[in-house]
Amino acid sequence: MRARRIPNPLHHLTEILSL
């Protein structure tokens, strides 16, 4: 799991919304 650098949650949300 990438715990060192937590990517912006918005990026993940946008991916889901893009679908």
C-alpha atoms as a PDB file:
ATOM      1  CA  MET A   1       0.000   0.000   0.000  1.00  0.00           C
ATOM      2  CA  ARG A   2       1.292   3.460  -0.868  1.00  0.00           C
ATOM      3  CA  ALA A   3       1.349   4.944   2.624  1.00  0.00           C
ATOM      4  CA  ARG A   4       4.411   7.118   2.113  1.00  0.00           C
ATOM      5  CA  ARG A   5       2.753   9.453  -0.377  1.00  0.00           C
ATOM      6  CA  ILE A   6      -1.039   9.593  -0.210  1.00  0.00           C
ATOM      7  CA  PRO A   7      -2.338  10.730  -3.627  1.00  0.00           C
ATOM      8  CA  ASN A   8      -5.098  13.314  -3.760  1.00  0.00           C
ATOM      9  CA  PRO A   9      -8.467  11.595  -3.213  1.00  0.00           C
ATOM     10  CA  LEU A  10      -9.949  13.887  -5.857  1.00  0.00           C
ATOM     11  CA  HIS A  11      -7.945  12.130  -8.536  1.00  0.00           C
ATOM     12  CA  HIS A  12      -9.479   8.796  -7.562  1.00  0.00           C
ATOM     13  CA  LEU A  13     -12.949  10.279  -7.332  1.00  0.00           C
ATOM     14  CA  THR A  14     -12.632  11.839 -10.769  1.00  0.00           C
ATOM     15  CA  GLU A  15     -11.665   8.475 -12.215  1.00  0.00           C
ATOM     16  CA  ILE A  16     -14.769   6.842 -10.773  1.00  0.00           C
ATOM     17  CA  LEU A  17     -16.962   9.708 -11.963  1.00  0.00           C
ATOM     18  CA  SER A  18     -15.399   9.553 -15.406  1.00  0.00           C
ATOM     19  CA  LEU A  19     -16.690   6.009 -15.841  1.00  0.00           C
END
